[in-house]
Amino acid sequence: MIVDDLSEEKLNPDLKLSPDIGKYLIRALKSGDPIRAAEVRRELEKGSDGIMKRLWPNLTVISTIDNVGLRQRIKKSLAKGVEMYSPFYISPDNLLGLNLLPYNKGGVEYTLHLSENVFEFIQEKDVSYT
């Protein structure tokens, strides 16, 4: 478990990491932090609801990019008590919209971002589905 890694300045050998990333993480762990590891373990035992705010009490906002609706689910569970801001609406190959009203409490609204996209309008009769 990652809490053991935090406590003991080692990485679980089952983690599939490149050697460079592994060396970086070991350096970042320094001599381990058993006190923080115990805090994290206690919070994990309480369950995942609101875990982000419990682990990082000063956390106030999370910036997300969400096009599948996970933001609301995360806000109701892991990020309970933390504001979430979604600046962009994206697809795998395009930036489709910008959120110009980040403090809108009624929900997220996006403005179409025309300058970054190419729109190709093809008549349906000309599209091949094979």
Protein backbone atom coordinates (compact mmCIF):
# COMPACT_ATOMS: atom_id res chain seq x y z
CA MET A 1 0.00 0.00 0.00
CA ILE A 2 1.24 3.50 -0.74
CA VAL A 3 0.93 4.43 2.94
CA ASP A 4 3.65 1.87 3.70
CA ASP A 5 5.84 3.48 1.04
CA LEU A 6 5.28 6.89 2.65
CA SER A 7 6.21 5.49 6.04
CA GLU A 8 9.34 3.56 5.12
CA GLU A 9 11.12 5.33 2.23
CA LYS A 10 10.61 2.45 -0.16
CA LEU A 11 8.39 1.63 -3.09
CA ASN A 12 6.24 -1.43 -3.41
CA PRO A 13 8.05 -3.69 -5.90
CA ASP A 14 4.69 -4.56 -7.48
CA LEU A 15 4.36 -1.00 -8.80
CA LYS A 16 5.06 -0.92 -12.52
CA LEU A 17 7.19 2.22 -12.70
CA SER A 18 10.05 3.19 -14.95
CA PRO A 19 13.39 3.22 -13.10
CA ASP A 20 13.67 7.01 -13.49
CA ILE A 21 10.28 7.62 -11.88
CA GLY A 22 11.08 5.13 -9.12
CA LYS A 23 14.36 6.92 -8.32
CA TYR A 24 12.57 10.28 -8.30
CA LEU A 25 9.89 9.03 -5.91
CA ILE A 26 12.46 7.51 -3.55
CA ARG A 27 14.27 10.89 -3.43
CA ALA A 28 10.94 12.66 -2.82
CA LEU A 29 10.13 10.28 0.05
CA LYS A 30 13.52 11.18 1.62
CA SER A 31 13.60 9.32 4.91
CA GLY A 32 9.92 8.50 4.94
CA ASP A 33 7.32 10.17 7.12
CA PRO A 34 5.83 7.65 9.55
CA ILE A 35 3.73 10.33 11.30
CA ARG A 36 2.07 11.44 8.05
CA ALA A 37 1.66 7.81 7.01
CA ALA A 38 -0.22 7.12 10.26
CA GLU A 39 -2.44 10.18 9.64
CA VAL A 40 -3.21 9.01 6.10
CA ARG A 41 -3.92 5.47 7.30
CA ARG A 42 -6.37 6.78 9.95
CA GLU A 43 -8.21 8.89 7.37
CA LEU A 44 -8.41 5.99 4.90
CA GLU A 45 -9.95 3.81 7.62
CA LYS A 46 -12.80 6.36 7.91
CA GLY A 47 -13.74 5.74 4.27
CA SER A 48 -13.36 7.69 1.06
CA ASP A 49 -16.16 10.26 1.50
CA GLY A 50 -14.50 13.65 1.89
CA ILE A 51 -11.01 12.10 1.95
CA MET A 52 -9.43 14.95 -0.03
CA LYS A 53 -10.45 17.63 2.46
CA ARG A 54 -9.43 15.44 5.39
CA LEU A 55 -5.98 14.73 3.93
CA TRP A 56 -5.41 18.33 2.79
CA PRO A 57 -7.48 20.58 5.11
CA ASN A 58 -6.41 23.76 3.28
CA LEU A 59 -7.59 22.42 -0.09
CA THR A 60 -10.19 24.86 -1.40
CA VAL A 61 -10.58 24.19 -5.12
CA ILE A 62 -9.81 21.46 -7.63
CA SER A 63 -9.40 22.34 -11.30
CA THR A 64 -10.82 19.60 -13.50
CA ILE A 65 -11.41 18.81 -17.12
CA ASP A 66 -14.49 16.68 -17.37
CA ASN A 67 -16.48 15.63 -20.39
CA VAL A 68 -18.11 12.50 -19.02
CA GLY A 69 -19.82 13.78 -15.88
CA LEU A 70 -17.40 12.45 -13.26
CA ARG A 71 -16.91 15.87 -11.67
CA GLN A 72 -20.25 15.80 -9.88
CA ARG A 73 -19.75 12.23 -8.67
CA ILE A 74 -16.30 13.07 -7.30
CA LYS A 75 -17.63 16.24 -5.65
CA LYS A 76 -20.27 14.16 -3.83
CA SER A 77 -17.73 11.60 -2.60
CA LEU A 78 -13.94 12.02 -2.57
CA ALA A 79 -14.01 15.83 -2.84
CA LYS A 80 -16.94 16.52 -0.52
CA GLY A 81 -16.50 20.04 0.88
CA VAL A 82 -14.16 21.19 -1.90
CA GLU A 83 -15.15 23.47 -4.78
CA MET A 84 -14.47 22.18 -8.27
CA TYR A 85 -13.79 24.31 -11.31
CA SER A 86 -13.93 22.95 -14.83
CA PRO A 87 -12.29 25.51 -17.16
CA PHE A 88 -12.59 23.50 -20.37
CA TYR A 89 -14.87 21.10 -22.18
CA ILE A 90 -12.76 18.80 -24.30
CA SER A 91 -12.93 15.80 -26.54
CA PRO A 92 -9.99 13.52 -27.29
CA ASP A 93 -8.88 15.72 -30.16
CA ASN A 94 -10.39 19.19 -29.56
CA LEU A 95 -10.86 21.92 -27.04
CA LEU A 96 -14.56 22.50 -27.55
CA GLY A 97 -15.55 25.08 -24.98
CA LEU A 98 -14.44 27.46 -22.26
CA ASN A 99 -16.13 28.01 -18.92
CA LEU A 100 -16.42 31.79 -18.69
CA LEU A 101 -18.46 31.72 -15.47
CA PRO A 102 -16.31 29.82 -12.96
CA TYR A 103 -18.32 30.96 -9.93
CA ASN A 104 -21.73 30.05 -11.37
CA LYS A 105 -23.41 28.01 -8.62
CA GLY A 106 -26.18 26.83 -10.95
CA GLY A 107 -23.91 24.50 -12.89
CA VAL A 108 -21.20 24.63 -15.50
CA GLU A 109 -21.82 26.41 -18.80
CA TYR A 110 -19.37 26.38 -21.67
CA THR A 111 -18.92 28.84 -24.53
CA LEU A 112 -18.04 27.28 -27.87
CA HIS A 113 -14.36 27.83 -28.63
CA LEU A 114 -14.38 28.43 -32.36
CA SER A 115 -10.78 29.50 -32.98
CA GLU A 116 -9.21 26.20 -31.93
CA ASN A 117 -11.36 23.79 -33.91
CA VAL A 118 -11.95 22.76 -37.46
CA PHE A 119 -15.55 21.97 -38.28
CA GLU A 120 -16.13 19.87 -41.33
CA PHE A 121 -19.70 19.65 -42.51
CA ILE A 122 -20.27 16.61 -44.69
CA GLN A 123 -23.66 15.61 -45.93
CA GLU A 124 -24.72 12.35 -44.35
CA LYS A 125 -25.22 10.73 -47.76
CA ASP A 126 -21.48 11.27 -48.41
CA VAL A 127 -20.34 9.52 -45.22
CA SER A 128 -19.18 5.92 -45.45
CA TYR A 129 -19.67 3.76 -42.37
CA THR A 130 -17.53 0.87 -43.57
